[in-house]
C-alpha atoms as a PDB file:
ATOM      1  CA  MET A   1     154.875 112.966 178.667  1.00  0.00           C
ATOM      2  CA  LEU A   2     155.319 111.225 182.070  1.00  0.00           C
ATOM      3  CA  ASN A   3     158.097 108.647 182.073  1.00  0.00           C
ATOM      4  CA  VAL A   4     156.489 105.948 184.233  1.00  0.00           C
ATOM      5  CA  SER A   5     159.607 103.837 184.481  1.00  0.00           C
ATOM      6  CA  SER A   6     161.575 106.731 185.963  1.00  0.00           C
ATOM      7  CA  ALA A   7     159.034 107.040 188.775  1.00  0.00           C
ATOM      8  CA  LEU A   8     159.429 103.418 189.877  1.00  0.00           C
ATOM      9  CA  PRO A   9     161.602 102.594 192.913  1.00  0.00           C
ATOM     10  CA  LYS A  10     165.143 101.653 191.940  1.00  0.00           C
ATOM     11  CA  ASN A  11     166.767  98.345 192.848  1.00  0.00           C
ATOM     12  CA  HIS A  12     163.628  97.031 194.548  1.00  0.00           C
ATOM     13  CA  PRO A  13     164.071  93.288 195.160  1.00  0.00           C
ATOM     14  CA  PRO A  14     161.344  90.978 193.871  1.00  0.00           C
ATOM     15  CA  VAL A  15     158.715  90.055 196.470  1.00  0.00           C
ATOM     16  CA  ALA A  16     158.185  86.330 196.962  1.00  0.00           C
ATOM     17  CA  PHE A  17     154.551  85.253 197.168  1.00  0.00           C
ATOM     18  CA  GLY A  18     152.116  82.499 196.261  1.00  0.00           C
ATOM     19  CA  LYS A  19     153.088  79.794 198.764  1.00  0.00           C
ATOM     20  CA  VAL A  20     151.254  78.467 201.804  1.00  0.00           C
ATOM     21  CA  GLY A  21     153.024  78.177 205.138  1.00  0.00           C
ATOM     22  CA  VAL A  22     152.310  75.626 207.860  1.00  0.00           C
ATOM     23  CA  LEU A  23     153.734  76.513 211.271  1.00  0.00           C
ATOM     24  CA  LEU A  24     153.728  73.774 213.913  1.00  0.00           C
ATOM     25  CA  ILE A  25     153.817  75.289 217.415  1.00  0.00           C
ATOM     26  CA  ASN A  26     154.460  73.600 220.753  1.00  0.00           C
ATOM     27  CA  LEU A  27     154.860  74.947 224.267  1.00  0.00           C
ATOM     28  CA  GLY A  28     158.578  75.611 224.425  1.00  0.00           C
ATOM     29  CA  THR A  29     161.880  74.695 225.984  1.00  0.00           C
ATOM     30  CA  PRO A  30     164.790  76.549 227.578  1.00  0.00           C
ATOM     31  CA  ASP A  31     167.910  77.268 225.510  1.00  0.00           C
ATOM     32  CA  GLY A  32     170.025  75.502 228.110  1.00  0.00           C
ATOM     33  CA  THR A  33     169.912  73.938 231.560  1.00  0.00           C
ATOM     34  CA  ASP A  34     171.978  76.637 233.278  1.00  0.00           C
ATOM     35  CA  TYR A  35     170.430  79.046 235.754  1.00  0.00           C
ATOM     36  CA  TRP A  36     170.040  82.043 233.438  1.00  0.00           C
ATOM     37  CA  SER A  37     168.644  80.054 230.512  1.00  0.00           C
ATOM     38  CA  MET A  38     166.086  78.483 232.825  1.00  0.00           C
ATOM     39  CA  ARG A  39     165.272  81.827 234.388  1.00  0.00           C
ATOM     40  CA  ARG A  40     164.598  83.463 230.983  1.00  0.00           C
ATOM     41  CA  TYR A  41     162.367  80.606 229.945  1.00  0.00           C
ATOM     42  CA  LEU A  42     160.429  80.461 233.208  1.00  0.00           C
ATOM     43  CA  LYS A  43     160.003  84.230 233.301  1.00  0.00           C
ATOM     44  CA  GLU A  44     158.482  84.292 229.817  1.00  0.00           C
ATOM     45  CA  PHE A  45     156.241  81.334 230.625  1.00  0.00           C
ATOM     46  CA  LEU A  46     155.103  82.426 234.084  1.00  0.00           C
ATOM     47  CA  SER A  47     154.598  86.064 233.022  1.00  0.00           C
ATOM     48  CA  ASP A  48     151.928  85.022 230.518  1.00  0.00           C
ATOM     49  CA  ARG A  49     148.559  86.252 231.778  1.00  0.00           C
ATOM     50  CA  ARG A  50     146.893  83.288 230.092  1.00  0.00           C
ATOM     51  CA  VAL A  51     148.959  80.918 232.215  1.00  0.00           C
ATOM     52  CA  ILE A  52     148.850  82.795 235.528  1.00  0.00           C
ATOM     53  CA  GLU A  53     145.655  84.766 236.061  1.00  0.00           C
ATOM     54  CA  VAL A  54     146.560  85.993 239.550  1.00  0.00           C
ATOM     55  CA  SER A  55     146.570  89.768 240.108  1.00  0.00           C
ATOM     56  CA  ARG A  56     149.848  91.286 238.906  1.00  0.00           C
ATOM     57  CA  LEU A  57     150.181  93.133 242.221  1.00  0.00           C
ATOM     58  CA  LEU A  58     150.384  89.787 243.998  1.00  0.00           C
ATOM     59  CA  TRP A  59     152.130  87.763 241.307  1.00  0.00           C
ATOM     60  CA  TRP A  60     154.968  90.114 240.306  1.00  0.00           C
ATOM     61  CA  PRO A  61     156.839  90.110 243.649  1.00  0.00           C
ATOM     62  CA  LEU A  62     156.202  86.385 244.160  1.00  0.00           C
ATOM     63  CA  LEU A  63     157.501  85.569 240.676  1.00  0.00           C
ATOM     64  CA  ASN A  64     160.522  87.856 240.601  1.00  0.00           C
ATOM     65  CA  LEU A  65     161.647  87.713 244.216  1.00  0.00           C
ATOM     66  CA  ILE A  66     160.989  84.070 245.065  1.00  0.00           C
ATOM     67  CA  ILE A  67     160.103  81.772 242.154  1.00  0.00           C
ATOM     68  CA  LEU A  68     162.694  83.067 239.683  1.00  0.00           C
ATOM     69  CA  THR A  69     165.327  82.964 242.396  1.00  0.00           C
ATOM     70  CA  THR A  70     164.800  79.367 243.508  1.00  0.00           C
ATOM     71  CA  ARG A  71     163.031  77.482 240.708  1.00  0.00           C
ATOM     72  CA  PRO A  72     165.541  77.822 237.801  1.00  0.00           C
ATOM     73  CA  GLY A  73     168.180  75.804 239.614  1.00  0.00           C
ATOM     74  CA  ARG A  74     165.791  72.979 240.498  1.00  0.00           C
ATOM     75  CA  LYS A  75     164.192  72.793 237.058  1.00  0.00           C
ATOM     76  CA  GLY A  76     167.594  72.991 235.394  1.00  0.00           C
ATOM     77  CA  LYS A  77     168.603  69.798 237.203  1.00  0.00           C
ATOM     78  CA  ASP A  78     165.415  68.118 235.999  1.00  0.00           C
ATOM     79  CA  TYR A  79     166.101  69.163 232.407  1.00  0.00           C
ATOM     80  CA  GLU A  80     169.651  67.841 232.718  1.00  0.00           C
ATOM     81  CA  THR A  81     168.237  64.329 233.104  1.00  0.00           C
ATOM     82  CA  ILE A  82     166.379  64.465 229.757  1.00  0.00           C
ATOM     83  CA  TRP A  83     168.597  66.830 227.731  1.00  0.00           C
ATOM     84  CA  ASN A  84     169.524  65.876 224.154  1.00  0.00           C
ATOM     85  CA  ARG A  85     173.274  66.279 224.468  1.00  0.00           C
ATOM     86  CA  THR A  86     173.961  65.499 220.823  1.00  0.00           C
ATOM     87  CA  ARG A  87     171.965  68.536 219.686  1.00  0.00           C
ATOM     88  CA  ASP A  88     172.289  70.444 222.980  1.00  0.00           C
ATOM     89  CA  GLU A  89     168.559  70.999 223.278  1.00  0.00           C
ATOM     90  CA  GLY A  90     165.457  69.768 225.067  1.00  0.00           C
ATOM     91  CA  PRO A  91     163.586  66.770 223.636  1.00  0.00           C
ATOM     92  CA  LEU A  92     160.537  68.873 222.814  1.00  0.00           C
ATOM     93  CA  LYS A  93     162.621  70.879 220.346  1.00  0.00           C
ATOM     94  CA  THR A  94     164.136  67.742 218.821  1.00  0.00           C
ATOM     95  CA  ILE A  95     160.767  66.068 218.380  1.00  0.00           C
ATOM     96  CA  THR A  96     158.915  69.129 217.060  1.00  0.00           C
ATOM     97  CA  ARG A  97     161.614  69.647 214.420  1.00  0.00           C
ATOM     98  CA  ALA A  98     161.302  65.976 213.435  1.00  0.00           C
ATOM     99  CA  GLN A  99     157.508  66.317 213.213  1.00  0.00           C
ATOM    100  CA  ALA A 100     157.846  69.313 210.891  1.00  0.00           C
ATOM    101  CA  GLU A 101     160.347  67.518 208.673  1.00  0.00           C
ATOM    102  CA  ALA A 102     158.199  64.392 208.506  1.00  0.00           C
ATOM    103  CA  LEU A 103     155.078  66.422 207.718  1.00  0.00           C
ATOM    104  CA  ALA A 104     156.837  68.256 204.884  1.00  0.00           C
ATOM    105  CA  ALA A 105     157.867  64.904 203.408  1.00  0.00           C
ATOM    106  CA  ARG A 106     154.332  63.558 203.742  1.00  0.00           C
ATOM    107  CA  LEU A 107     152.757  66.586 202.076  1.00  0.00           C
ATOM    108  CA  GLY A 108     155.323  66.570 199.277  1.00  0.00           C
ATOM    109  CA  ASP A 109     153.970  69.752 197.725  1.00  0.00           C
ATOM    110  CA  GLU A 110     156.268  72.541 196.551  1.00  0.00           C
ATOM    111  CA  ARG A 111     153.468  75.022 197.174  1.00  0.00           C
ATOM    112  CA  ILE A 112     153.584  74.292 200.924  1.00  0.00           C
ATOM    113  CA  VAL A 113     156.391  75.343 203.279  1.00  0.00           C
ATOM    114  CA  VAL A 114     156.435  73.662 206.712  1.00  0.00           C
ATOM    115  CA  ASP A 115     158.241  75.168 209.691  1.00  0.00           C
ATOM    116  CA  TRP A 116     158.037  74.979 213.477  1.00  0.00           C
ATOM    117  CA  ALA A 117     158.189  77.299 216.464  1.00  0.00           C
ATOM    118  CA  MET A 118     157.766  77.479 220.224  1.00  0.00           C
ATOM    119  CA  ARG A 119     155.368  79.627 222.221  1.00  0.00           C
ATOM    120  CA  TYR A 120     158.053  80.204 224.853  1.00  0.00           C
ATOM    121  CA  GLY A 121     161.748  80.225 224.051  1.00  0.00           C
ATOM    122  CA  ASN A 122     163.246  79.645 220.616  1.00  0.00           C
ATOM    123  CA  PRO A 123     162.552  79.531 217.758  1.00  0.00           C
ATOM    124  CA  SER A 124     159.842  82.091 218.418  1.00  0.00           C
ATOM    125  CA  ILE A 125     156.511  82.355 216.650  1.00  0.00           C
ATOM    126  CA  GLU A 126     157.504  85.775 215.312  1.00  0.00           C
ATOM    127  CA  SER A 127     160.683  84.368 213.761  1.00  0.00           C
ATOM    128  CA  GLY A 128     158.669  81.509 212.273  1.00  0.00           C
ATOM    129  CA  ILE A 129     156.281  83.921 210.576  1.00  0.00           C
ATOM    130  CA  ALA A 130     159.204  85.944 209.208  1.00  0.00           C
ATOM    131  CA  ALA A 131     160.912  82.814 207.852  1.00  0.00           C
ATOM    132  CA  LEU A 132     157.743  81.671 206.090  1.00  0.00           C
ATOM    133  CA  GLN A 133     157.139  85.110 204.591  1.00  0.00           C
ATOM    134  CA  ALA A 134     160.702  85.225 203.312  1.00  0.00           C
ATOM    135  CA  LYS A 135     159.974  81.991 201.438  1.00  0.00           C
ATOM    136  CA  GLY A 136     156.920  83.504 199.759  1.00  0.00           C
ATOM    137  CA  CYS A 137     154.134  82.404 202.071  1.00  0.00           C
ATOM    138  CA  ASP A 138     151.252  84.872 201.891  1.00  0.00           C
ATOM    139  CA  ARG A 139     148.951  82.430 203.692  1.00  0.00           C
ATOM    140  CA  ILE A 140     149.890  80.678 206.939  1.00  0.00           C
ATOM    141  CA  LEU A 141     148.178  77.842 208.769  1.00  0.00           C
ATOM    142  CA  PHE A 142     149.100  77.971 212.455  1.00  0.00           C
ATOM    143  CA  VAL A 143     148.999  74.549 214.122  1.00  0.00           C
ATOM    144  CA  PRO A 144     148.968  74.657 217.953  1.00  0.00           C
ATOM    145  CA  LEU A 145     150.032  71.136 218.881  1.00  0.00           C
ATOM    146  CA  TYR A 146     147.439  70.727 221.629  1.00  0.00           C
ATOM    147  CA  PRO A 147     144.675  68.153 221.046  1.00  0.00           C
ATOM    148  CA  GLN A 148     142.552  69.622 223.851  1.00  0.00           C
ATOM    149  CA  TYR A 149     141.886  73.363 223.854  1.00  0.00           C
ATOM    150  CA  ALA A 150     142.867  75.465 226.869  1.00  0.00           C
ATOM    151  CA  ALA A 151     143.237  79.205 227.197  1.00  0.00           C
ATOM    152  CA  ALA A 152     146.694  78.635 228.721  1.00  0.00           C
ATOM    153  CA  THR A 153     147.886  76.661 225.676  1.00  0.00           C
ATOM    154  CA  SER A 154     145.934  77.066 222.421  1.00  0.00           C
ATOM    155  CA  ALA A 155     144.713  80.587 223.097  1.00  0.00           C
ATOM    156  CA  THR A 156     148.086  81.965 224.096  1.00  0.00           C
ATOM    157  CA  VAL A 157     149.557  80.648 220.821  1.00  0.00           C
ATOM    158  CA  CYS A 158     146.922  82.664 218.969  1.00  0.00           C
ATOM    159  CA  ASP A 159     147.661  85.711 221.122  1.00  0.00           C
ATOM    160  CA  LYS A 160     151.374  85.543 220.344  1.00  0.00           C
ATOM    161  CA  ALA A 161     150.785  85.030 216.636  1.00  0.00           C
ATOM    162  CA  PHE A 162     148.453  88.039 216.496  1.00  0.00           C
ATOM    163  CA  ASP A 163     151.003  90.118 218.436  1.00  0.00           C
ATOM    164  CA  ALA A 164     153.513  89.348 215.677  1.00  0.00           C
ATOM    165  CA  LEU A 165     151.041  89.849 212.839  1.00  0.00           C
ATOM    166  CA  LYS A 166     149.931  93.270 214.039  1.00  0.00           C
ATOM    167  CA  LYS A 167     153.493  94.565 213.571  1.00  0.00           C
ATOM    168  CA  LEU A 168     153.484  93.734 209.865  1.00  0.00           C
ATOM    169  CA  ARG A 169     152.541  96.085 207.076  1.00  0.00           C
ATOM    170  CA  TRP A 170     151.815  93.172 204.729  1.00  0.00           C
ATOM    171  CA  GLN A 171     150.128  90.521 206.812  1.00  0.00           C
ATOM    172  CA  PRO A 172     149.727  86.978 205.552  1.00  0.00           C
ATOM    173  CA  THR A 173     146.229  85.553 205.599  1.00  0.00           C
ATOM    174  CA  ALA A 174     146.009  83.417 208.740  1.00  0.00           C
ATOM    175  CA  ARG A 175     144.180  80.301 209.824  1.00  0.00           C
ATOM    176  CA  PHE A 176     144.435  78.378 213.088  1.00  0.00           C
ATOM    177  CA  THR A 177     143.692  74.677 213.448  1.00  0.00           C
ATOM    178  CA  PRO A 178     140.969  73.789 215.973  1.00  0.00           C
ATOM    179  CA  PRO A 179     141.371  71.295 218.820  1.00  0.00           C
ATOM    180  CA  TYR A 180     141.020  67.681 217.725  1.00  0.00           C
ATOM    181  CA  HIS A 181     140.428  65.900 221.029  1.00  0.00           C
ATOM    182  CA  GLY A 182     137.570  63.769 219.675  1.00  0.00           C
ATOM    183  CA  ASP A 183     138.467  63.423 216.005  1.00  0.00           C
ATOM    184  CA  ASP A 184     138.616  59.882 214.655  1.00  0.00           C
ATOM    185  CA  PHE A 185     142.141  60.286 213.244  1.00  0.00           C
ATOM    186  CA  TYR A 186     143.425  61.228 216.700  1.00  0.00           C
ATOM    187  CA  ILE A 187     141.639  58.465 218.592  1.00  0.00           C
ATOM    188  CA  ASP A 188     142.664  55.968 215.900  1.00  0.00           C
ATOM    189  CA  ALA A 189     146.314  56.909 216.351  1.00  0.00           C
ATOM    190  CA  LEU A 190     146.127  56.748 220.153  1.00  0.00           C
ATOM    191  CA  GLU A 191     144.515  53.322 220.052  1.00  0.00           C
ATOM    192  CA  LYS A 192     147.003  51.930 217.541  1.00  0.00           C
ATOM    193  CA  SER A 193     149.974  53.336 219.443  1.00  0.00           C
ATOM    194  CA  LEU A 194     148.736  52.194 222.853  1.00  0.00           C
ATOM    195  CA  ARG A 195     148.075  48.640 221.662  1.00  0.00           C
ATOM    196  CA  ALA A 196     151.538  48.474 220.094  1.00  0.00           C
ATOM    197  CA  GLU A 197     153.299  49.855 223.173  1.00  0.00           C
ATOM    198  CA  LEU A 198     151.434  47.538 225.557  1.00  0.00           C
ATOM    199  CA  ALA A 199     152.433  44.586 223.375  1.00  0.00           C
ATOM    200  CA  LYS A 200     156.109  45.539 223.824  1.00  0.00           C
ATOM    201  CA  LEU A 201     155.964  45.340 227.622  1.00  0.00           C
ATOM    202  CA  ASP A 202     157.223  42.304 229.509  1.00  0.00           C
ATOM    203  CA  PHE A 203     154.111  42.439 231.704  1.00  0.00           C
ATOM    204  CA  VAL A 204     150.360  42.917 231.370  1.00  0.00           C
ATOM    205  CA  PRO A 205     149.271  46.024 233.323  1.00  0.00           C
ATOM    206  CA  ASP A 206     146.597  45.646 235.959  1.00  0.00           C
ATOM    207  CA  VAL A 207     145.673  49.272 235.255  1.00  0.00           C
ATOM    208  CA  VAL A 208     146.439  51.718 232.453  1.00  0.00           C
ATOM    209  CA  LEU A 209     146.183  55.299 233.720  1.00  0.00           C
ATOM    210  CA  ALA A 210     145.437  58.214 231.379  1.00  0.00           C
ATOM    211  CA  SER A 211     147.244  61.267 232.744  1.00  0.00           C
ATOM    212  CA  PHE A 212     146.543  64.726 231.314  1.00  0.00           C
ATOM    213  CA  HIS A 213     148.194  68.014 232.258  1.00  0.00           C
ATOM    214  CA  GLY A 214     146.090  69.777 234.863  1.00  0.00           C
ATOM    215  CA  VAL A 215     144.611  73.275 235.038  1.00  0.00           C
ATOM    216  CA  PRO A 216     143.445  75.276 238.046  1.00  0.00           C
ATOM    217  CA  GLN A 217     139.865  74.482 239.043  1.00  0.00           C
ATOM    218  CA  GLU A 218     139.142  78.206 238.794  1.00  0.00           C
ATOM    219  CA  TYR A 219     139.883  78.184 235.051  1.00  0.00           C
ATOM    220  CA  HIS A 220     137.417  75.341 234.546  1.00  0.00           C
ATOM    221  CA  ASP A 221     134.810  77.178 236.617  1.00  0.00           C
ATOM    222  CA  LYS A 222     135.248  80.245 234.387  1.00  0.00           C
ATOM    223  CA  GLY A 223     134.328  78.206 231.317  1.00  0.00           C
ATOM    224  CA  ASP A 224     137.593  76.813 229.979  1.00  0.00           C
ATOM    225  CA  PRO A 225     136.656  73.638 228.011  1.00  0.00           C
ATOM    226  CA  TYR A 226     139.941  71.834 228.642  1.00  0.00           C
ATOM    227  CA  PHE A 227     138.686  69.449 231.339  1.00  0.00           C
ATOM    228  CA  CYS A 228     135.706  68.453 229.190  1.00  0.00           C
ATOM    229  CA  HIS A 229     137.944  67.911 226.151  1.00  0.00           C
ATOM    230  CA  CYS A 230     140.213  65.624 228.202  1.00  0.00           C
ATOM    231  CA  MET A 231     137.234  63.662 229.466  1.00  0.00           C
ATOM    232  CA  LYS A 232     136.020  63.126 225.899  1.00  0.00           C
ATOM    233  CA  THR A 233     139.437  61.920 224.706  1.00  0.00           C
ATOM    234  CA  TRP A 234     139.625  59.558 227.673  1.00  0.00           C
ATOM    235  CA  ARG A 235     136.115  58.194 227.136  1.00  0.00           C
ATOM    236  CA  LEU A 236     136.584  57.582 223.418  1.00  0.00           C
ATOM    237  CA  LEU A 237     139.969  55.888 223.884  1.00  0.00           C
ATOM    238  CA  ARG A 238     138.625  53.777 226.744  1.00  0.00           C
ATOM    239  CA  GLU A 239     135.733  52.615 224.567  1.00  0.00           C
ATOM    240  CA  ARG A 240     138.076  51.781 221.694  1.00  0.00           C
ATOM    241  CA  MET A 241     140.336  49.756 223.980  1.00  0.00           C
ATOM    242  CA  GLY A 242     137.412  47.957 225.620  1.00  0.00           C
ATOM    243  CA  PHE A 243     138.546  48.974 229.095  1.00  0.00           C
ATOM    244  CA  THR A 244     136.364  49.570 232.122  1.00  0.00           C
ATOM    245  CA  VAL A 245     136.729  52.767 234.142  1.00  0.00           C
ATOM    246  CA  GLU A 246     138.595  50.751 236.776  1.00  0.00           C
ATOM    247  CA  GLN A 247     141.016  49.395 234.180  1.00  0.00           C
ATOM    248  CA  PHE A 248     141.551  52.805 232.578  1.00  0.00           C
ATOM    249  CA  PRO A 249     141.141  55.659 235.109  1.00  0.00           C
ATOM    250  CA  ILE A 250     141.888  59.314 234.387  1.00  0.00           C
ATOM    251  CA  ALA A 251     143.977  61.805 236.375  1.00  0.00           C
ATOM    252  CA  PHE A 252     145.633  65.223 236.013  1.00  0.00           C
ATOM    253  CA  GLN A 253     149.288  66.022 236.633  1.00  0.00           C
ATOM    254  CA  SER A 254     151.740  68.934 236.942  1.00  0.00           C
ATOM    255  CA  ARG A 255     149.829  71.152 239.326  1.00  0.00           C
ATOM    256  CA  PHE A 256     151.653  74.270 240.442  1.00  0.00           C
ATOM    257  CA  GLY A 257     151.110  76.337 243.584  1.00  0.00           C
ATOM    258  CA  ARG A 258     148.752  75.771 246.500  1.00  0.00           C
ATOM    259  CA  GLY A 259     145.404  76.360 244.798  1.00  0.00           C
ATOM    260  CA  GLU A 260     142.950  73.644 243.853  1.00  0.00           C
ATOM    261  CA  TRP A 261     143.345  72.092 240.402  1.00  0.00           C
ATOM    262  CA  VAL A 262     141.029  69.799 238.490  1.00  0.00           C
ATOM    263  CA  LYS A 263     140.933  66.342 240.023  1.00  0.00           C
ATOM    264  CA  PRO A 264     141.816  63.547 240.493  1.00  0.00           C
ATOM    265  CA  TYR A 265     145.533  64.280 240.788  1.00  0.00           C
ATOM    266  CA  THR A 266     147.948  61.919 239.059  1.00  0.00           C
ATOM    267  CA  ASP A 267     150.448  61.572 241.908  1.00  0.00           C
ATOM    268  CA  GLU A 268     147.738  60.859 244.480  1.00  0.00           C
ATOM    269  CA  THR A 269     146.019  58.400 242.141  1.00  0.00           C
ATOM    270  CA  ILE A 270     149.241  56.490 241.505  1.00  0.00           C
ATOM    271  CA  LYS A 271     150.037  56.294 245.219  1.00  0.00           C
ATOM    272  CA  ALA A 272     146.509  55.074 245.923  1.00  0.00           C
ATOM    273  CA  LEU A 273     146.699  52.415 243.204  1.00  0.00           C
ATOM    274  CA  GLY A 274     149.906  51.030 244.675  1.00  0.00           C
ATOM    275  CA  ALA A 275     148.484  51.069 248.187  1.00  0.00           C
ATOM    276  CA  ALA A 276     145.334  49.261 246.948  1.00  0.00           C
ATOM    277  CA  GLY A 277     147.399  46.341 245.673  1.00  0.00           C
ATOM    278  CA  VAL A 278     147.897  47.214 242.014  1.00  0.00           C
ATOM    279  CA  LYS A 279     151.255  45.677 241.128  1.00  0.00           C
ATOM    280  CA  LYS A 280     151.593  46.488 237.415  1.00  0.00           C
ATOM    281  CA  LEU A 281     150.803  49.936 236.036  1.00  0.00           C
ATOM    282  CA  ALA A 282     151.198  51.701 232.691  1.00  0.00           C
ATOM    283  CA  VAL A 283     150.616  55.431 232.203  1.00  0.00           C
ATOM    284  CA  ILE A 284     149.658  57.092 228.912  1.00  0.00           C
ATOM    285  CA  THR A 285     149.675  60.887 228.443  1.00  0.00           C
ATOM    286  CA  PRO A 286     147.210  61.604 225.592  1.00  0.00           C
ATOM    287  CA  GLY A 287     147.291  65.386 226.033  1.00  0.00           C
ATOM    288  CA  PHE A 288     150.936  65.615 224.960  1.00  0.00           C
ATOM    289  CA  VAL A 289     151.898  65.163 221.289  1.00  0.00           C
ATOM    290  CA  ALA A 290     155.599  64.971 222.136  1.00  0.00           C
ATOM    291  CA  ASP A 291     157.571  63.665 225.080  1.00  0.00           C
ATOM    292  CA  CYS A 292     158.942  66.381 227.338  1.00  0.00           C
ATOM    293  CA  LEU A 293     159.853  67.058 230.955  1.00  0.00           C
ATOM    294  CA  GLU A 294     156.297  66.344 232.120  1.00  0.00           C
ATOM    295  CA  THR A 295     156.183  62.896 230.518  1.00  0.00           C
ATOM    296  CA  ILE A 296     159.789  61.692 230.691  1.00  0.00           C
ATOM    297  CA  GLU A 297     160.792  62.957 234.137  1.00  0.00           C
ATOM    298  CA  GLU A 298     157.534  63.658 235.978  1.00  0.00           C
ATOM    299  CA  ILE A 299     155.752  60.466 234.898  1.00  0.00           C
ATOM    300  CA  GLY A 300     158.642  58.170 234.018  1.00  0.00           C
ATOM    301  CA  VAL A 301     160.769  58.944 237.071  1.00  0.00           C
ATOM    302  CA  GLU A 302     158.934  60.855 239.803  1.00  0.00           C
ATOM    303  CA  ASN A 303     155.595  59.049 239.601  1.00  0.00           C
ATOM    304  CA  ALA A 304     157.263  55.702 238.969  1.00  0.00           C
ATOM    305  CA  GLU A 305     158.993  56.151 242.325  1.00  0.00           C
ATOM    306  CA  TYR A 306     155.656  56.965 244.007  1.00  0.00           C
ATOM    307  CA  PHE A 307     154.218  53.726 242.634  1.00  0.00           C
ATOM    308  CA  HIS A 308     157.123  51.567 243.722  1.00  0.00           C
ATOM    309  CA  HIS A 309     157.211  53.119 247.192  1.00  0.00           C
ATOM    310  CA  ALA A 310     153.486  52.370 247.530  1.00  0.00           C
ATOM    311  CA  GLY A 311     154.054  48.688 246.797  1.00  0.00           C
ATOM    312  CA  GLY A 312     153.905  48.573 243.009  1.00  0.00           C
ATOM    313  CA  GLU A 313     156.276  46.293 241.129  1.00  0.00           C
ATOM    314  CA  LYS A 314     156.079  47.015 237.381  1.00  0.00           C
ATOM    315  CA  PHE A 315     155.691  50.485 235.878  1.00  0.00           C
ATOM    316  CA  ALA A 316     155.751  51.765 232.299  1.00  0.00           C
ATOM    317  CA  ALA A 317     155.457  55.274 230.890  1.00  0.00           C
ATOM    318  CA  ILE A 318     153.905  54.897 227.427  1.00  0.00           C
ATOM    319  CA  PRO A 319     155.651  57.190 224.893  1.00  0.00           C
ATOM    320  CA  CYS A 320     153.741  60.028 223.269  1.00  0.00           C
ATOM    321  CA  LEU A 321     152.911  59.842 219.566  1.00  0.00           C
ATOM    322  CA  ASN A 322     156.002  61.982 218.831  1.00  0.00           C
ATOM    323  CA  ASP A 323     157.200  61.661 215.214  1.00  0.00           C
ATOM    324  CA  SER A 324     156.018  58.063 214.913  1.00  0.00           C
ATOM    325  CA  VAL A 325     153.968  57.004 211.908  1.00  0.00           C
ATOM    326  CA  GLU A 326     150.819  57.373 214.011  1.00  0.00           C
ATOM    327  CA  GLY A 327     151.929  60.787 215.283  1.00  0.00           C
ATOM    328  CA  ILE A 328     152.511  62.160 211.799  1.00  0.00           C
ATOM    329  CA  ASP A 329     149.247  60.564 210.631  1.00  0.00           C
ATOM    330  CA  VAL A 330     147.436  62.821 213.107  1.00  0.00           C
ATOM    331  CA  ILE A 331     149.243  66.024 212.143  1.00  0.00           C
ATOM    332  CA  GLU A 332     148.918  65.283 208.427  1.00  0.00           C
ATOM    333  CA  ALA A 333     145.180  64.598 208.666  1.00  0.00           C
ATOM    334  CA  LEU A 334     144.641  67.799 210.649  1.00  0.00           C
ATOM    335  CA  VAL A 335     146.717  69.947 208.300  1.00  0.00           C
ATOM    336  CA  ARG A 336     145.257  68.538 205.083  1.00  0.00           C
ATOM    337  CA  ARG A 337     141.746  69.146 206.372  1.00  0.00           C
ATOM    338  CA  GLU A 338     142.455  72.717 207.424  1.00  0.00           C
ATOM    339  CA  LEU A 339     144.274  73.582 204.178  1.00  0.00           C
ATOM    340  CA  SER A 340     141.100  72.853 202.261  1.00  0.00           C
ATOM    341  CA  GLY A 341     140.413  75.665 199.791  1.00  0.00           C
ATOM    342  CA  TRP A 342     144.020  76.854 199.899  1.00  0.00           C
ATOM    343  CA  ILE A 343     145.536  73.713 198.388  1.00  0.00           C
END
């Protein structure tokens, strides 16, 4: 008679299963502000074919021989001005961790494990998947923290997650949250936060500018919906606030290279507003869920200087939703909706 027990593997550890993972994912941050940390981060970011669609024959020598030689030093100095020295990390990492911790507390369900990762840099998406699996998660909800969809943001998160999943023998069941650029819970949170932040100022802005991260015009022409998603967010928030287009214009920041990007450009708009006699300006960045280099340094320092040099007197960079009550309201509403049927 066959002894079944003798045929079983010996000393096989029990396999954890039955939990649901939620992985919050943002863009990324360098491990440090030194040259080599910045170079590693920029190389990973600027080597992504979703981010840079230029022919590799043209891009490789430009990236490796010029950009990665000169840019790490300059960007490292910029990061130095916003670095969280207590934790020795960039603010995006600090805030994303806080968002994950706050979400876990809000959900308060032992069946759900919340973690966080970065598309570029650390902790990686692959390590996030491994950590969730080790805790028994056989289903994972991936949450790209981008309200407006773009191939260079949302899609590349999916790409990286699938790259990690295809290495696994036992894959977790996966879901990805959709963009939420026009959802009521998002617009509600933006309105509530903007009204509260404007009330804190010691001046009443003549203009409140909505600045979104830009994308090359070519990407829009190829069918990327990002520009349209930003326009919808802007329109809905403007209507909620009761602003006119003149009181609440839109612009796009952070362009890179010499090619044409979607317009109007934030820096040129801010200079023009100052030159036209606008004395008091506030800038909100509704495409970012957490403050980072692009909001703290680019808007709060660089563009503030443009405004003052053009004749402006009062300038305010409105904080992102971050891990505020309103910020976690958005993430919680999104996650609860997309966990439907699992929890």
